[in-house]
């Protein structure tokens, strides 16, 4: 991570280029995640109150079922949790080492 709170993400199997995304100075171990899961985590960093539909529209190439599946995997791997009561819930991306 550099001093601007940015982290470089290299898509699996592609050594020719990498992406730079802001994660608001949170350190997330994304080594075992897919490119779409990283995109979901990045989106939820800045939009914690997002719905499944909003995530699907914002993350290119994802259907509602794809979003549900990726959210379930991220929760099972301890990288994401849902916080709060039924109304007003939000997503929280878990920092590495928490």
PDB file of N, CA and C in Angstrom:
ATOM      1  N   UNK A   1       0.847  -1.166   0.000  1.00  0.00           N
ATOM      2  CA  UNK A   1       0.000   0.000   0.000  1.00  0.00           C
ATOM      3  C   UNK A   1       0.892   1.228   0.000  1.00  0.00           C
ATOM      4  N   UNK A   2       0.513   2.231  -0.788  1.00  0.00           N
ATOM      5  CA  UNK A   2       1.305   3.444  -0.788  1.00  0.00           C
ATOM      6  C   UNK A   2       0.723   4.457   0.196  1.00  0.00           C
ATOM      7  N   UNK A   3       1.289   5.632   0.245  1.00  0.00           N
ATOM      8  CA  UNK A   3       0.881   6.631   1.231  1.00  0.00           C
ATOM      9  C   UNK A   3      -0.468   7.257   0.937  1.00  0.00           C
ATOM     10  N   UNK A   4      -1.025   7.031  -0.244  1.00  0.00           N
ATOM     11  CA  UNK A   4      -2.323   7.593  -0.600  1.00  0.00           C
ATOM     12  C   UNK A   4      -3.479   6.656  -0.269  1.00  0.00           C
ATOM     13  N   UNK A   5      -3.224   5.559   0.420  1.00  0.00           N
ATOM     14  CA  UNK A   5      -4.283   4.613   0.750  1.00  0.00           C
ATOM     15  C   UNK A   5      -4.714   3.778  -0.437  1.00  0.00           C
ATOM     16  N   UNK A   6      -3.812   3.546  -1.372  1.00  0.00           N
ATOM     17  CA  UNK A   6      -4.127   2.747  -2.548  1.00  0.00           C
ATOM     18  C   UNK A   6      -3.427   1.405  -2.462  1.00  0.00           C
ATOM     19  N   UNK A   7      -4.054   0.406  -3.027  1.00  0.00           N
ATOM     20  CA  UNK A   7      -3.449  -0.923  -3.065  1.00  0.00           C
ATOM     21  C   UNK A   7      -3.522  -1.430  -4.494  1.00  0.00           C
ATOM     22  N   UNK A   8      -2.490  -2.111  -4.920  1.00  0.00           N
ATOM     23  CA  UNK A   8      -2.475  -2.674  -6.266  1.00  0.00           C
ATOM     24  C   UNK A   8      -3.054  -4.086  -6.220  1.00  0.00           C
ATOM     25  N   UNK A   9      -3.924  -4.363  -7.166  1.00  0.00           N
ATOM     26  CA  UNK A   9      -4.523  -5.687  -7.272  1.00  0.00           C
ATOM     27  C   UNK A   9      -4.166  -6.239  -8.638  1.00  0.00           C
ATOM     28  N   UNK A  10      -3.550  -7.399  -8.659  1.00  0.00           N
ATOM     29  CA  UNK A  10      -3.176  -8.040  -9.909  1.00  0.00           C
ATOM     30  C   UNK A  10      -4.153  -9.178 -10.170  1.00  0.00           C
ATOM     31  N   UNK A  11      -4.923  -9.111 -11.267  1.00  0.00           N
ATOM     32  CA  UNK A  11      -5.846 -10.200 -11.582  1.00  0.00           C
ATOM     33  C   UNK A  11      -5.101 -11.517 -11.748  1.00  0.00           C
ATOM     34  N   UNK A  12      -5.742 -12.619 -11.334  1.00  0.00           N
ATOM     35  CA  UNK A  12      -5.110 -13.935 -11.447  1.00  0.00           C
ATOM     36  C   UNK A  12      -4.722 -14.212 -12.885  1.00  0.00           C
ATOM     37  N   UNK A  13      -3.539 -14.785 -13.061  1.00  0.00           N
ATOM     38  CA  UNK A  13      -3.092 -15.219 -14.368  1.00  0.00           C
ATOM     39  C   UNK A  13      -2.697 -14.088 -15.303  1.00  0.00           C
ATOM     40  N   UNK A  14      -2.591 -12.874 -14.803  1.00  0.00           N
ATOM     41  CA  UNK A  14      -2.245 -11.761 -15.679  1.00  0.00           C
ATOM     42  C   UNK A  14      -1.115 -10.967 -15.061  1.00  0.00           C
ATOM     43  N   UNK A  15       0.083 -11.197 -15.540  1.00  0.00           N
ATOM     44  CA  UNK A  15       1.250 -10.492 -15.027  1.00  0.00           C
ATOM     45  C   UNK A  15       1.556  -9.229 -15.828  1.00  0.00           C
ATOM     46  N   UNK A  16       0.764  -8.955 -16.883  1.00  0.00           N
ATOM     47  CA  UNK A  16       1.073  -7.836 -17.758  1.00  0.00           C
ATOM     48  C   UNK A  16       0.573  -6.495 -17.225  1.00  0.00           C
ATOM     49  N   UNK A  17      -0.470  -6.492 -16.406  1.00  0.00           N
ATOM     50  CA  UNK A  17      -0.983  -5.238 -15.883  1.00  0.00           C
ATOM     51  C   UNK A  17      -1.594  -5.477 -14.511  1.00  0.00           C
ATOM     52  N   UNK A  18      -1.802  -4.390 -13.807  1.00  0.00           N
ATOM     53  CA  UNK A  18      -2.488  -4.491 -12.531  1.00  0.00           C
ATOM     54  C   UNK A  18      -3.408  -3.296 -12.366  1.00  0.00           C
ATOM     55  N   UNK A  19      -4.309  -3.372 -11.418  1.00  0.00           N
ATOM     56  CA  UNK A  19      -5.278  -2.319 -11.154  1.00  0.00           C
ATOM     57  C   UNK A  19      -4.921  -1.652  -9.838  1.00  0.00           C
ATOM     58  N   UNK A  20      -5.220  -0.389  -9.727  1.00  0.00           N
ATOM     59  CA  UNK A  20      -5.028   0.318  -8.471  1.00  0.00           C
ATOM     60  C   UNK A  20      -6.408   0.737  -7.986  1.00  0.00           C
ATOM     61  N   UNK A  21      -6.750   0.342  -6.775  1.00  0.00           N
ATOM     62  CA  UNK A  21      -8.039   0.708  -6.205  1.00  0.00           C
ATOM     63  C   UNK A  21      -7.829   1.287  -4.820  1.00  0.00           C
ATOM     64  N   UNK A  22      -8.690   2.199  -4.445  1.00  0.00           N
ATOM     65  CA  UNK A  22      -8.634   2.772  -3.114  1.00  0.00           C
ATOM     66  C   UNK A  22      -9.409   1.860  -2.173  1.00  0.00           C
ATOM     67  N   UNK A  23      -8.831   1.564  -1.030  1.00  0.00           N
ATOM     68  CA  UNK A  23      -9.561   0.781  -0.032  1.00  0.00           C
ATOM     69  C   UNK A  23      -9.630   1.556   1.272  1.00  0.00           C
ATOM     70  N   UNK A  24      -9.531   2.877   1.172  1.00  0.00           N
ATOM     71  CA  UNK A  24      -9.699   3.767   2.318  1.00  0.00           C
ATOM     72  C   UNK A  24      -8.826   3.360   3.490  1.00  0.00           C
ATOM     73  N   UNK A  25      -7.580   3.045   3.194  1.00  0.00           N
ATOM     74  CA  UNK A  25      -6.549   2.733   4.166  1.00  0.00           C
ATOM     75  C   UNK A  25      -6.806   1.476   4.983  1.00  0.00           C
ATOM     76  N   UNK A  26      -7.770   0.647   4.596  1.00  0.00           N
ATOM     77  CA  UNK A  26      -7.957  -0.638   5.256  1.00  0.00           C
ATOM     78  C   UNK A  26      -7.123  -1.661   4.507  1.00  0.00           C
ATOM     79  N   UNK A  27      -6.496  -2.549   5.236  1.00  0.00           N
ATOM     80  CA  UNK A  27      -5.689  -3.588   4.613  1.00  0.00           C
ATOM     81  C   UNK A  27      -6.513  -4.863   4.571  1.00  0.00           C
ATOM     82  N   UNK A  28      -6.798  -5.342   3.387  1.00  0.00           N
ATOM     83  CA  UNK A  28      -7.605  -6.541   3.205  1.00  0.00           C
ATOM     84  C   UNK A  28      -6.752  -7.581   2.501  1.00  0.00           C
ATOM     85  N   UNK A  29      -6.675  -8.792   3.062  1.00  0.00           N
ATOM     86  CA  UNK A  29      -5.935  -9.878   2.434  1.00  0.00           C
ATOM     87  C   UNK A  29      -6.800 -10.448   1.323  1.00  0.00           C
ATOM     88  N   UNK A  30      -6.471 -10.098   0.096  1.00  0.00           N
ATOM     89  CA  UNK A  30      -7.289 -10.521  -1.032  1.00  0.00           C
ATOM     90  C   UNK A  30      -6.635 -11.642  -1.824  1.00  0.00           C
ATOM     91  N   UNK A  31      -5.632 -12.275  -1.263  1.00  0.00           N
ATOM     92  CA  UNK A  31      -4.909 -13.298  -1.984  1.00  0.00           C
ATOM     93  C   UNK A  31      -5.743 -14.460  -2.457  1.00  0.00           C
ATOM     94  N   UNK A  32      -6.763 -14.852  -1.696  1.00  0.00           N
ATOM     95  CA  UNK A  32      -7.544 -16.033  -2.036  1.00  0.00           C
ATOM     96  C   UNK A  32      -8.881 -15.672  -2.688  1.00  0.00           C
ATOM     97  N   UNK A  33      -9.049 -14.430  -3.121  1.00  0.00           N
ATOM     98  CA  UNK A  33     -10.320 -14.014  -3.704  1.00  0.00           C
ATOM     99  C   UNK A  33     -10.215 -13.913  -5.217  1.00  0.00           C
ATOM    100  N   UNK A  34     -11.373 -13.976  -5.856  1.00  0.00           N
ATOM    101  CA  UNK A  34     -11.420 -13.803  -7.308  1.00  0.00           C
ATOM    102  C   UNK A  34     -11.457 -12.322  -7.637  1.00  0.00           C
ATOM    103  N   UNK A  35     -11.292 -12.009  -8.894  1.00  0.00           N
ATOM    104  CA  UNK A  35     -11.319 -10.610  -9.333  1.00  0.00           C
ATOM    105  C   UNK A  35     -12.686  -9.987  -9.038  1.00  0.00           C
ATOM    106  N   UNK A  36     -13.765 -10.722  -9.258  1.00  0.00           N
ATOM    107  CA  UNK A  36     -15.103 -10.185  -8.987  1.00  0.00           C
ATOM    108  C   UNK A  36     -15.335  -9.998  -7.491  1.00  0.00           C
ATOM    109  N   UNK A  37     -14.821 -10.910  -6.675  1.00  0.00           N
ATOM    110  CA  UNK A  37     -14.947 -10.752  -5.225  1.00  0.00           C
ATOM    111  C   UNK A  37     -14.191  -9.514  -4.751  1.00  0.00           C
ATOM    112  N   UNK A  38     -13.028  -9.266  -5.323  1.00  0.00           N
ATOM    113  CA  UNK A  38     -12.275  -8.052  -4.975  1.00  0.00           C
ATOM    114  C   UNK A  38     -13.053  -6.808  -5.385  1.00  0.00           C
ATOM    115  N   UNK A  39     -13.699  -6.870  -6.547  1.00  0.00           N
ATOM    116  CA  UNK A  39     -14.502  -5.739  -7.014  1.00  0.00           C
ATOM    117  C   UNK A  39     -15.674  -5.483  -6.062  1.00  0.00           C
ATOM    118  N   UNK A  40     -16.318  -6.545  -5.582  1.00  0.00           N
ATOM    119  CA  UNK A  40     -17.415  -6.408  -4.622  1.00  0.00           C
ATOM    120  C   UNK A  40     -16.903  -5.785  -3.328  1.00  0.00           C
ATOM    121  N   UNK A  41     -15.785  -6.277  -2.804  1.00  0.00           N
ATOM    122  CA  UNK A  41     -15.215  -5.723  -1.571  1.00  0.00           C
ATOM    123  C   UNK A  41     -14.861  -4.245  -1.744  1.00  0.00           C
ATOM    124  N   UNK A  42     -14.273  -3.910  -2.863  1.00  0.00           N
ATOM    125  CA  UNK A  42     -13.899  -2.525  -3.126  1.00  0.00           C
ATOM    126  C   UNK A  42     -15.139  -1.639  -3.188  1.00  0.00           C
ATOM    127  N   UNK A  43     -16.177  -2.114  -3.869  1.00  0.00           N
ATOM    128  CA  UNK A  43     -17.421  -1.347  -3.958  1.00  0.00           C
ATOM    129  C   UNK A  43     -18.036  -1.154  -2.578  1.00  0.00           C
ATOM    130  N   UNK A  44     -18.048  -2.210  -1.769  1.00  0.00           N
ATOM    131  CA  UNK A  44     -18.663  -2.124  -0.442  1.00  0.00           C
ATOM    132  C   UNK A  44     -17.862  -1.256   0.524  1.00  0.00           C
ATOM    133  N   UNK A  45     -16.582  -1.060   0.254  1.00  0.00           N
ATOM    134  CA  UNK A  45     -15.777  -0.146   1.072  1.00  0.00           C
ATOM    135  C   UNK A  45     -16.373   1.256   1.021  1.00  0.00           C
ATOM    136  N   UNK A  46     -16.776   1.684  -0.162  1.00  0.00           N
ATOM    137  CA  UNK A  46     -17.288   3.038  -0.314  1.00  0.00           C
ATOM    138  C   UNK A  46     -18.807   3.119  -0.320  1.00  0.00           C
ATOM    139  N   UNK A  47     -19.492   1.973  -0.371  1.00  0.00           N
ATOM    140  CA  UNK A  47     -20.958   1.934  -0.371  1.00  0.00           C
ATOM    141  C   UNK A  47     -21.448   0.850   0.593  1.00  0.00           C
ATOM    142  N   UNK A  48     -21.217   1.014   1.901  1.00  0.00           N
ATOM    143  CA  UNK A  48     -21.552  -0.058   2.852  1.00  0.00           C
ATOM    144  C   UNK A  48     -23.044  -0.372   2.962  1.00  0.00           C
ATOM    145  N   UNK A  49     -23.895   0.542   2.561  1.00  0.00           N
ATOM    146  CA  UNK A  49     -25.333   0.299   2.632  1.00  0.00           C
ATOM    147  C   UNK A  49     -25.918  -0.262   1.355  1.00  0.00           C
ATOM    148  N   UNK A  50     -25.073  -0.678   0.423  1.00  0.00           N
ATOM    149  CA  UNK A  50     -25.523  -1.148  -0.892  1.00  0.00           C
ATOM    150  C   UNK A  50     -26.367  -2.415  -0.800  1.00  0.00           C
ATOM    151  N   UNK A  51     -27.346  -2.491  -1.686  1.00  0.00           N
ATOM    152  CA  UNK A  51     -28.178  -3.684  -1.803  1.00  0.00           C
ATOM    153  C   UNK A  51     -27.565  -4.626  -2.831  1.00  0.00           C
ATOM    154  N   UNK A  52     -28.080  -5.850  -2.882  1.00  0.00           N
ATOM    155  CA  UNK A  52     -27.603  -6.822  -3.875  1.00  0.00           C
ATOM    156  C   UNK A  52     -27.808  -6.274  -5.284  1.00  0.00           C
ATOM    157  N   UNK A  53     -28.961  -5.645  -5.517  1.00  0.00           N
ATOM    158  CA  UNK A  53     -29.243  -5.082  -6.839  1.00  0.00           C
ATOM    159  C   UNK A  53     -28.243  -3.984  -7.182  1.00  0.00           C
ATOM    160  N   UNK A  54     -27.943  -3.091  -6.242  1.00  0.00           N
ATOM    161  CA  UNK A  54     -26.988  -2.008  -6.484  1.00  0.00           C
ATOM    162  C   UNK A  54     -25.588  -2.551  -6.774  1.00  0.00           C
ATOM    163  N   UNK A  55     -25.192  -3.591  -6.050  1.00  0.00           N
ATOM    164  CA  UNK A  55     -23.878  -4.198  -6.289  1.00  0.00           C
ATOM    165  C   UNK A  55     -23.840  -4.797  -7.691  1.00  0.00           C
ATOM    166  N   UNK A  56     -24.898  -5.510  -8.077  1.00  0.00           N
ATOM    167  CA  UNK A  56     -24.965  -6.137  -9.395  1.00  0.00           C
ATOM    168  C   UNK A  56     -24.890  -5.127 -10.531  1.00  0.00           C
ATOM    169  N   UNK A  57     -25.517  -3.976 -10.357  1.00  0.00           N
ATOM    170  CA  UNK A  57     -25.484  -2.937 -11.386  1.00  0.00           C
ATOM    171  C   UNK A  57     -24.097  -2.293 -11.450  1.00  0.00           C
ATOM    172  N   UNK A  58     -23.443  -2.148 -10.314  1.00  0.00           N
ATOM    173  CA  UNK A  58     -22.167  -1.427 -10.241  1.00  0.00           C
ATOM    174  C   UNK A  58     -20.953  -2.276 -10.591  1.00  0.00           C
ATOM    175  N   UNK A  59     -21.027  -3.577 -10.346  1.00  0.00           N
ATOM    176  CA  UNK A  59     -19.902  -4.463 -10.654  1.00  0.00           C
ATOM    177  C   UNK A  59     -20.207  -5.131 -11.994  1.00  0.00           C
ATOM    178  N   UNK A  60     -19.437  -4.776 -12.986  1.00  0.00           N
ATOM    179  CA  UNK A  60     -19.688  -5.225 -14.356  1.00  0.00           C
ATOM    180  C   UNK A  60     -19.720  -6.743 -14.474  1.00  0.00           C
ATOM    181  N   UNK A  61     -20.740  -7.235 -15.170  1.00  0.00           N
ATOM    182  CA  UNK A  61     -20.825  -8.650 -15.476  1.00  0.00           C
ATOM    183  C   UNK A  61     -21.370  -9.521 -14.356  1.00  0.00           C
ATOM    184  N   UNK A  62     -22.004  -8.914 -13.339  1.00  0.00           N
ATOM    185  CA  UNK A  62     -22.525  -9.717 -12.229  1.00  0.00           C
ATOM    186  C   UNK A  62     -24.047  -9.680 -12.199  1.00  0.00           C
ATOM    187  N   UNK A  63     -24.642 -10.855 -12.060  1.00  0.00           N
ATOM    188  CA  UNK A  63     -26.084 -10.968 -11.889  1.00  0.00           C
ATOM    189  C   UNK A  63     -26.397 -10.958 -10.392  1.00  0.00           C
ATOM    190  N   UNK A  64     -27.670 -10.860 -10.054  1.00  0.00           N
ATOM    191  CA  UNK A  64     -28.066 -10.890  -8.642  1.00  0.00           C
ATOM    192  C   UNK A  64     -27.628 -12.207  -7.994  1.00  0.00           C
ATOM    193  N   UNK A  65     -27.776 -13.317  -8.722  1.00  0.00           N
ATOM    194  CA  UNK A  65     -27.345 -14.607  -8.174  1.00  0.00           C
ATOM    195  C   UNK A  65     -25.834 -14.655  -7.993  1.00  0.00           C
ATOM    196  N   UNK A  66     -25.089 -14.052  -8.919  1.00  0.00           N
ATOM    197  CA  UNK A  66     -23.627 -13.983  -8.794  1.00  0.00           C
ATOM    198  C   UNK A  66     -23.218 -13.167  -7.579  1.00  0.00           C
ATOM    199  N   UNK A  67     -23.923 -12.055  -7.355  1.00  0.00           N
ATOM    200  CA  UNK A  67     -23.636 -11.224  -6.184  1.00  0.00           C
ATOM    201  C   UNK A  67     -23.901 -12.020  -4.911  1.00  0.00           C
ATOM    202  N   UNK A  68     -25.051 -12.689  -4.833  1.00  0.00           N
ATOM    203  CA  UNK A  68     -25.394 -13.485  -3.643  1.00  0.00           C
ATOM    204  C   UNK A  68     -24.337 -14.544  -3.367  1.00  0.00           C
ATOM    205  N   UNK A  69     -23.910 -15.238  -4.417  1.00  0.00           N
ATOM    206  CA  UNK A  69     -22.910 -16.291  -4.267  1.00  0.00           C
ATOM    207  C   UNK A  69     -21.582 -15.722  -3.767  1.00  0.00           C
ATOM    208  N   UNK A  70     -21.142 -14.617  -4.353  1.00  0.00           N
ATOM    209  CA  UNK A  70     -19.880 -14.008  -3.939  1.00  0.00           C
ATOM    210  C   UNK A  70     -19.955 -13.448  -2.533  1.00  0.00           C
ATOM    211  N   UNK A  71     -21.083 -12.846  -2.159  1.00  0.00           N
ATOM    212  CA  UNK A  71     -21.246 -12.345  -0.791  1.00  0.00           C
ATOM    213  C   UNK A  71     -21.173 -13.491   0.212  1.00  0.00           C
ATOM    214  N   UNK A  72     -21.817 -14.610  -0.115  1.00  0.00           N
ATOM    215  CA  UNK A  72     -21.790 -15.774   0.773  1.00  0.00           C
ATOM    216  C   UNK A  72     -20.358 -16.287   0.948  1.00  0.00           C
ATOM    217  N   UNK A  73     -19.617 -16.387  -0.142  1.00  0.00           N
ATOM    218  CA  UNK A  73     -18.228 -16.848  -0.079  1.00  0.00           C
ATOM    219  C   UNK A  73     -17.375 -15.891   0.749  1.00  0.00           C
ATOM    220  N   UNK A  74     -17.529 -14.592   0.525  1.00  0.00           N
ATOM    221  CA  UNK A  74     -16.754 -13.600   1.266  1.00  0.00           C
ATOM    222  C   UNK A  74     -17.078 -13.652   2.762  1.00  0.00           C
ATOM    223  N   UNK A  75     -18.343 -13.870   3.095  1.00  0.00           N
ATOM    224  CA  UNK A  75     -18.731 -13.985   4.509  1.00  0.00           C
ATOM    225  C   UNK A  75     -18.145 -15.255   5.126  1.00  0.00           C
ATOM    226  N   UNK A  76     -18.201 -16.360   4.402  1.00  0.00           N
ATOM    227  CA  UNK A  76     -17.663 -17.628   4.904  1.00  0.00           C
ATOM    228  C   UNK A  76     -16.153 -17.555   5.104  1.00  0.00           C
ATOM    229  N   UNK A  77     -15.472 -16.771   4.270  1.00  0.00           N
ATOM    230  CA  UNK A  77     -14.020 -16.624   4.380  1.00  0.00           C
ATOM    231  C   UNK A  77     -13.618 -15.551   5.386  1.00  0.00           C
ATOM    232  N   UNK A  78     -14.598 -14.939   6.039  1.00  0.00           N
ATOM    233  CA  UNK A  78     -14.310 -13.955   7.074  1.00  0.00           C
ATOM    234  C   UNK A  78     -13.849 -12.608   6.559  1.00  0.00           C
ATOM    235  N   UNK A  79     -14.134 -12.294   5.303  1.00  0.00           N
ATOM    236  CA  UNK A  79     -13.721 -11.014   4.732  1.00  0.00           C
ATOM    237  C   UNK A  79     -14.831  -9.965   4.755  1.00  0.00           C
ATOM    238  N   UNK A  80     -16.059 -10.394   5.076  1.00  0.00           N
ATOM    239  CA  UNK A  80     -17.200  -9.499   5.002  1.00  0.00           C
ATOM    240  C   UNK A  80     -18.229  -9.918   6.032  1.00  0.00           C
ATOM    241  N   UNK A  81     -18.896  -8.933   6.644  1.00  0.00           N
ATOM    242  CA  UNK A  81     -20.012  -9.267   7.522  1.00  0.00           C
ATOM    243  C   UNK A  81     -21.102  -8.224   7.391  1.00  0.00           C
ATOM    244  N   UNK A  82     -22.309  -8.627   7.731  1.00  0.00           N
ATOM    245  CA  UNK A  82     -23.482  -7.755   7.691  1.00  0.00           C
ATOM    246  C   UNK A  82     -23.732  -7.295   9.120  1.00  0.00           C
ATOM    247  N   UNK A  83     -23.858  -5.973   9.330  1.00  0.00           N
ATOM    248  CA  UNK A  83     -23.960  -5.406  10.666  1.00  0.00           C
ATOM    249  C   UNK A  83     -25.260  -4.624  10.802  1.00  0.00           C
ATOM    250  N   UNK A  84     -25.928  -4.794  11.940  1.00  0.00           N
ATOM    251  CA  UNK A  84     -27.083  -3.967  12.251  1.00  0.00           C
ATOM    252  C   UNK A  84     -28.404  -4.703  12.169  1.00  0.00           C
ATOM    253  N   UNK A  85     -29.470  -3.981  12.527  1.00  0.00           N
ATOM    254  CA  UNK A  85     -30.819  -4.572  12.486  1.00  0.00           C
ATOM    255  C   UNK A  85     -31.305  -4.699  11.042  1.00  0.00           C
ATOM    256  N   UNK A  86     -32.496  -5.307  10.869  1.00  0.00           N
ATOM    257  CA  UNK A  86     -33.026  -5.511   9.521  1.00  0.00           C
ATOM    258  C   UNK A  86     -33.103  -4.209   8.725  1.00  0.00           C
ATOM    259  N   UNK A  87     -33.559  -3.141   9.363  1.00  0.00           N
ATOM    260  CA  UNK A  87     -33.566  -1.834   8.705  1.00  0.00           C
ATOM    261  C   UNK A  87     -32.281  -1.110   9.077  1.00  0.00           C
ATOM    262  N   UNK A  88     -31.620  -0.555   8.096  1.00  0.00           N
ATOM    263  CA  UNK A  88     -30.413   0.196   8.374  1.00  0.00           C
ATOM    264  C   UNK A  88     -29.150  -0.640   8.438  1.00  0.00           C
ATOM    265  N   UNK A  89     -29.215  -1.888   8.002  1.00  0.00           N
ATOM    266  CA  UNK A  89     -28.006  -2.728   7.990  1.00  0.00           C
ATOM    267  C   UNK A  89     -26.981  -2.165   7.027  1.00  0.00           C
ATOM    268  N   UNK A  90     -25.743  -2.574   7.248  1.00  0.00           N
ATOM    269  CA  UNK A  90     -24.676  -2.215   6.316  1.00  0.00           C
ATOM    270  C   UNK A  90     -23.644  -3.329   6.279  1.00  0.00           C
ATOM    271  N   UNK A  91     -22.840  -3.314   5.226  1.00  0.00           N
ATOM    272  CA  UNK A  91     -21.767  -4.277   5.055  1.00  0.00           C
ATOM    273  C   UNK A  91     -20.497  -3.731   5.680  1.00  0.00           C
ATOM    274  N   UNK A  92     -19.720  -4.604   6.277  1.00  0.00           N
ATOM    275  CA  UNK A  92     -18.436  -4.212   6.832  1.00  0.00           C
ATOM    276  C   UNK A  92     -17.361  -5.151   6.289  1.00  0.00           C
ATOM    277  N   UNK A  93     -16.375  -4.567   5.614  1.00  0.00           N
ATOM    278  CA  UNK A  93     -15.251  -5.335   5.102  1.00  0.00           C
ATOM    279  C   UNK A  93     -14.282  -5.531   6.273  1.00  0.00           C
ATOM    280  N   UNK A  94     -13.912  -6.783   6.529  1.00  0.00           N
ATOM    281  CA  UNK A  94     -13.049  -7.128   7.664  1.00  0.00           C
ATOM    282  C   UNK A  94     -11.591  -6.862   7.304  1.00  0.00           C
ATOM    283  N   UNK A  95     -10.921  -6.137   8.155  1.00  0.00           N
ATOM    284  CA  UNK A  95      -9.493  -5.853   7.945  1.00  0.00           C
ATOM    285  C   UNK A  95      -8.674  -7.098   8.213  1.00  0.00           C
ATOM    286  N   UNK A  96      -7.564  -7.222   7.517  1.00  0.00           N
ATOM    287  CA  UNK A  96      -6.653  -8.336   7.744  1.00  0.00           C
ATOM    288  C   UNK A  96      -6.160  -8.278   9.181  1.00  0.00           C
ATOM    289  N   UNK A  97      -6.117  -9.424   9.833  1.00  0.00           N
ATOM    290  CA  UNK A  97      -5.627  -9.500  11.211  1.00  0.00           C
ATOM    291  C   UNK A  97      -6.689  -9.252  12.257  1.00  0.00           C
ATOM    292  N   UNK A  98      -7.938  -8.999  11.846  1.00  0.00           N
ATOM    293  CA  UNK A  98      -9.006  -8.785  12.822  1.00  0.00           C
ATOM    294  C   UNK A  98      -9.620 -10.077  13.263  1.00  0.00           C
TER     295      UNK A  98
END
